[in-house]
Amino acid sequence: MLGRKNYTQEEVDHAEQSVAQQIAAYTALTDAIAGEVTGKEVFAASEDFEPLFFNNMVLVLDRYFVHRIRAVTGKDGNPLNEVEIIADSLMNNTGVLCGINVIRYVPDQSVLKLEIGDRIRLGADDFERLASAFFAELKSRFLT
């Protein structure tokens, strides 16, 4: 598929709904576990699961709009490019944040404030902030 310089409202709505459903499923699961089960093993399993789930949710978020073109996303460290950097680092750098030459990533201006070289371990709050910023930026730059 060729690069995209715009998306329809329906495409954005579908992606937002899908992400919201997956967050809701995670929240329901963790709430059920917390309310019904106690013990170190369950707590440890939940702690291990959270960053795996939300790191993978970044890949989901990125994939919906993977063909976005640089001319529209820009070269600054906006949330669209932050997601791209995180997704690339998860797939190609064993989950350690690395930069992309064409993107001017400034950690202090990013949503998550991750530094180059940090291990990526997103929690629910991290992902929700990132997804919210991503969709806001996507709508401002790409909606037709």
C-alpha atoms as a PDB file:
ATOM      1  CA  MET A   1       0.000   0.000   0.000  1.00  0.00           C
ATOM      2  CA  LEU A   2       1.186   3.482  -0.786  1.00  0.00           C
ATOM      3  CA  GLY A   3       1.742   6.090   1.892  1.00  0.00           C
ATOM      4  CA  ARG A   4      -1.326   7.854   3.216  1.00  0.00           C
ATOM      5  CA  LYS A   5      -1.742  11.553   3.781  1.00  0.00           C
ATOM      6  CA  ASN A   6      -5.271  11.366   5.167  1.00  0.00           C
ATOM      7  CA  TYR A   7      -7.698   8.985   6.889  1.00  0.00           C
ATOM      8  CA  THR A   8     -11.468   8.965   7.142  1.00  0.00           C
ATOM      9  CA  GLN A   9     -13.364   9.607  10.339  1.00  0.00           C
ATOM     10  CA  GLU A  10     -14.622   6.006  10.156  1.00  0.00           C
ATOM     11  CA  GLU A  11     -11.071   4.623  10.110  1.00  0.00           C
ATOM     12  CA  VAL A  12     -10.082   6.688  13.126  1.00  0.00           C
ATOM     13  CA  ASP A  13     -13.298   5.817  14.996  1.00  0.00           C
ATOM     14  CA  HIS A  14     -12.778   2.101  14.345  1.00  0.00           C
ATOM     15  CA  ALA A  15      -9.210   2.200  15.645  1.00  0.00           C
ATOM     16  CA  GLU A  16     -10.205   4.207  18.737  1.00  0.00           C
ATOM     17  CA  GLN A  17     -13.041   1.800  19.508  1.00  0.00           C
ATOM     18  CA  SER A  18     -10.774  -1.222  19.115  1.00  0.00           C
ATOM     19  CA  VAL A  19      -8.140   0.252  21.417  1.00  0.00           C
ATOM     20  CA  ALA A  20     -10.800   1.220  23.987  1.00  0.00           C
ATOM     21  CA  GLN A  21     -12.246  -2.330  23.909  1.00  0.00           C
ATOM     22  CA  GLN A  22      -8.838  -3.865  24.563  1.00  0.00           C
ATOM     23  CA  ILE A  23      -8.129  -1.473  27.442  1.00  0.00           C
ATOM     24  CA  ALA A  24     -11.556  -2.253  28.906  1.00  0.00           C
ATOM     25  CA  ALA A  25     -10.883  -5.998  28.656  1.00  0.00           C
ATOM     26  CA  TYR A  26      -7.539  -5.556  30.425  1.00  0.00           C
ATOM     27  CA  THR A  27      -9.150  -3.443  33.160  1.00  0.00           C
ATOM     28  CA  ALA A  28     -11.966  -5.953  33.668  1.00  0.00           C
ATOM     29  CA  LEU A  29      -9.446  -8.784  33.953  1.00  0.00           C
ATOM     30  CA  THR A  30      -7.183  -7.012  36.427  1.00  0.00           C
ATOM     31  CA  ASP A  31     -10.144  -5.767  38.489  1.00  0.00           C
ATOM     32  CA  ALA A  32     -11.536  -9.313  38.672  1.00  0.00           C
ATOM     33  CA  ILE A  33      -8.191 -10.725  39.736  1.00  0.00           C
ATOM     34  CA  ALA A  34      -7.656  -8.013  42.344  1.00  0.00           C
ATOM     35  CA  GLY A  35     -11.143  -8.490  43.752  1.00  0.00           C
ATOM     36  CA  GLU A  36     -11.153 -12.280  43.925  1.00  0.00           C
ATOM     37  CA  VAL A  37      -7.661 -13.570  44.363  1.00  0.00           C
ATOM     38  CA  THR A  38      -4.808 -12.672  46.632  1.00  0.00           C
ATOM     39  CA  GLY A  39      -1.295 -13.935  46.718  1.00  0.00           C
ATOM     40  CA  LYS A  40       2.173 -13.085  45.553  1.00  0.00           C
ATOM     41  CA  GLU A  41       2.050 -15.321  42.459  1.00  0.00           C
ATOM     42  CA  VAL A  42      -1.113 -13.713  41.084  1.00  0.00           C
ATOM     43  CA  PHE A  43       0.205 -10.223  41.785  1.00  0.00           C
ATOM     44  CA  ALA A  44       3.544 -11.043  40.126  1.00  0.00           C
ATOM     45  CA  ALA A  45       1.814 -12.527  37.082  1.00  0.00           C
ATOM     46  CA  SER A  46      -0.304  -9.399  36.721  1.00  0.00           C
ATOM     47  CA  GLU A  47       2.765  -7.176  37.088  1.00  0.00           C
ATOM     48  CA  ASP A  48       4.573  -9.159  34.367  1.00  0.00           C
ATOM     49  CA  PHE A  49       1.558  -9.162  32.056  1.00  0.00           C
ATOM     50  CA  GLU A  50       0.842  -5.415  32.094  1.00  0.00           C
ATOM     51  CA  PRO A  51       3.941  -4.181  30.188  1.00  0.00           C
ATOM     52  CA  LEU A  52       3.717  -7.071  27.705  1.00  0.00           C
ATOM     53  CA  PHE A  53       0.106  -6.228  26.955  1.00  0.00           C
ATOM     54  CA  PHE A  54       0.557  -2.476  26.674  1.00  0.00           C
ATOM     55  CA  ASN A  55       3.809  -2.683  24.725  1.00  0.00           C
ATOM     56  CA  ASN A  56       1.912  -4.816  22.228  1.00  0.00           C
ATOM     57  CA  MET A  57      -0.932  -2.304  22.231  1.00  0.00           C
ATOM     58  CA  VAL A  58       1.543   0.255  20.845  1.00  0.00           C
ATOM     59  CA  LEU A  59       2.107  -2.115  17.927  1.00  0.00           C
ATOM     60  CA  VAL A  60      -1.659  -2.360  17.447  1.00  0.00           C
ATOM     61  CA  LEU A  61      -1.992   1.415  17.525  1.00  0.00           C
ATOM     62  CA  ASP A  62       0.841   1.897  15.052  1.00  0.00           C
ATOM     63  CA  ARG A  63      -0.415  -0.783  12.653  1.00  0.00           C
ATOM     64  CA  TYR A  64      -3.811   0.843  12.078  1.00  0.00           C
ATOM     65  CA  PHE A  65      -2.053   3.850  10.566  1.00  0.00           C
ATOM     66  CA  VAL A  66       1.298   2.377   9.524  1.00  0.00           C
ATOM     67  CA  HIS A  67       1.188   3.930   6.062  1.00  0.00           C
ATOM     68  CA  ARG A  68       1.106   7.510   7.304  1.00  0.00           C
ATOM     69  CA  ILE A  69       3.582   9.617   5.372  1.00  0.00           C
ATOM     70  CA  ARG A  70       6.375  11.708   6.853  1.00  0.00           C
ATOM     71  CA  ALA A  71       5.299  14.828   4.937  1.00  0.00           C
ATOM     72  CA  VAL A  72       2.165  14.870   7.111  1.00  0.00           C
ATOM     73  CA  THR A  73       3.486  13.405  10.361  1.00  0.00           C
ATOM     74  CA  GLY A  74       6.451  15.755  10.337  1.00  0.00           C
ATOM     75  CA  LYS A  75       9.902  15.116  11.707  1.00  0.00           C
ATOM     76  CA  ASP A  76       9.381  16.392  15.246  1.00  0.00           C
ATOM     77  CA  GLY A  77       8.797  14.169  18.241  1.00  0.00           C
ATOM     78  CA  ASN A  78       5.004  14.458  18.176  1.00  0.00           C
ATOM     79  CA  PRO A  79       2.867  11.552  19.474  1.00  0.00           C
ATOM     80  CA  LEU A  80       2.545   9.983  16.007  1.00  0.00           C
ATOM     81  CA  ASN A  81       6.309   9.779  15.727  1.00  0.00           C
ATOM     82  CA  GLU A  82       6.708   8.759  19.365  1.00  0.00           C
ATOM     83  CA  VAL A  83       4.504   5.731  18.650  1.00  0.00           C
ATOM     84  CA  GLU A  84       6.576   4.986  15.541  1.00  0.00           C
ATOM     85  CA  ILE A  85       9.826   5.114  17.522  1.00  0.00           C
ATOM     86  CA  ILE A  86       8.438   2.917  20.300  1.00  0.00           C
ATOM     87  CA  ALA A  87       6.984   0.390  17.837  1.00  0.00           C
ATOM     88  CA  ASP A  88      10.239   0.229  15.904  1.00  0.00           C
ATOM     89  CA  SER A  89      12.208  -0.223  19.121  1.00  0.00           C
ATOM     90  CA  LEU A  90       9.904  -3.004  20.316  1.00  0.00           C
ATOM     91  CA  MET A  91      10.189  -4.863  17.016  1.00  0.00           C
ATOM     92  CA  ASN A  92      13.815  -4.230  16.116  1.00  0.00           C
ATOM     93  CA  ASN A  93      15.761  -3.268  19.245  1.00  0.00           C
ATOM     94  CA  THR A  94      14.657  -5.829  21.864  1.00  0.00           C
ATOM     95  CA  GLY A  95      12.380  -3.324  23.569  1.00  0.00           C
ATOM     96  CA  VAL A  96      15.057  -0.707  24.226  1.00  0.00           C
ATOM     97  CA  LEU A  97      14.155   2.752  22.946  1.00  0.00           C
ATOM     98  CA  CYS A  98      16.291   3.839  20.016  1.00  0.00           C
ATOM     99  CA  GLY A  99      15.959   6.854  17.811  1.00  0.00           C
ATOM    100  CA  ILE A 100      15.089   7.072  14.144  1.00  0.00           C
ATOM    101  CA  ASN A 101      17.386   9.355  12.158  1.00  0.00           C
ATOM    102  CA  VAL A 102      14.654  11.412  10.490  1.00  0.00           C
ATOM    103  CA  ILE A 103      12.705  12.103  13.718  1.00  0.00           C
ATOM    104  CA  ARG A 104      13.885  14.787  16.136  1.00  0.00           C
ATOM    105  CA  TYR A 105      12.831  13.053  19.336  1.00  0.00           C
ATOM    106  CA  VAL A 106      13.183  15.158  22.499  1.00  0.00           C
ATOM    107  CA  PRO A 107      12.330  13.112  25.608  1.00  0.00           C
ATOM    108  CA  ASP A 108      11.198  16.106  27.685  1.00  0.00           C
ATOM    109  CA  GLN A 109       8.698  17.055  24.972  1.00  0.00           C
ATOM    110  CA  SER A 110       7.336  13.529  24.532  1.00  0.00           C
ATOM    111  CA  VAL A 111       4.242  12.014  26.087  1.00  0.00           C
ATOM    112  CA  LEU A 112       6.073   9.270  27.999  1.00  0.00           C
ATOM    113  CA  LYS A 113       9.385  11.076  28.625  1.00  0.00           C
ATOM    114  CA  LEU A 114      11.346   7.928  27.733  1.00  0.00           C
ATOM    115  CA  GLU A 115      15.058   8.455  27.134  1.00  0.00           C
ATOM    116  CA  ILE A 116      16.970   6.781  24.318  1.00  0.00           C
ATOM    117  CA  GLY A 117      18.333   3.569  25.847  1.00  0.00           C
ATOM    118  CA  ASP A 118      15.422   3.083  28.280  1.00  0.00           C
ATOM    119  CA  ARG A 119      13.737  -0.311  28.400  1.00  0.00           C
ATOM    120  CA  ILE A 120      10.141   0.063  27.211  1.00  0.00           C
ATOM    121  CA  ARG A 121       7.679  -1.223  29.829  1.00  0.00           C
ATOM    122  CA  LEU A 122       4.388   0.583  29.420  1.00  0.00           C
ATOM    123  CA  GLY A 123       1.682   0.437  32.028  1.00  0.00           C
ATOM    124  CA  ALA A 124      -2.025   1.075  31.544  1.00  0.00           C
ATOM    125  CA  ASP A 125      -1.769   4.778  32.409  1.00  0.00           C
ATOM    126  CA  ASP A 126       1.232   5.228  30.103  1.00  0.00           C
ATOM    127  CA  PHE A 127      -0.550   3.644  27.176  1.00  0.00           C
ATOM    128  CA  GLU A 128      -3.799   5.525  27.724  1.00  0.00           C
ATOM    129  CA  ARG A 129      -1.923   8.865  27.747  1.00  0.00           C
ATOM    130  CA  LEU A 130       0.044   7.888  24.639  1.00  0.00           C
ATOM    131  CA  ALA A 131      -3.033   6.615  22.745  1.00  0.00           C
ATOM    132  CA  SER A 132      -5.027   9.723  23.633  1.00  0.00           C
ATOM    133  CA  ALA A 133      -2.229  12.012  22.412  1.00  0.00           C
ATOM    134  CA  PHE A 134      -1.733   9.836  19.305  1.00  0.00           C
ATOM    135  CA  PHE A 135      -5.402  10.036  18.296  1.00  0.00           C
ATOM    136  CA  ALA A 136      -5.557  13.786  18.953  1.00  0.00           C
ATOM    137  CA  GLU A 137      -2.484  14.362  16.758  1.00  0.00           C
ATOM    138  CA  LEU A 138      -3.766  11.966  14.093  1.00  0.00           C
ATOM    139  CA  LYS A 139      -7.080  13.798  13.885  1.00  0.00           C
ATOM    140  CA  SER A 140      -5.423  17.196  13.652  1.00  0.00           C
ATOM    141  CA  ARG A 141      -3.068  16.134  10.851  1.00  0.00           C
ATOM    142  CA  PHE A 142      -4.836  13.385   8.894  1.00  0.00           C
ATOM    143  CA  LEU A 143      -8.610  13.643   8.994  1.00  0.00           C
ATOM    144  CA  THR A 144     -10.120  14.356   5.602  1.00  0.00           C
END
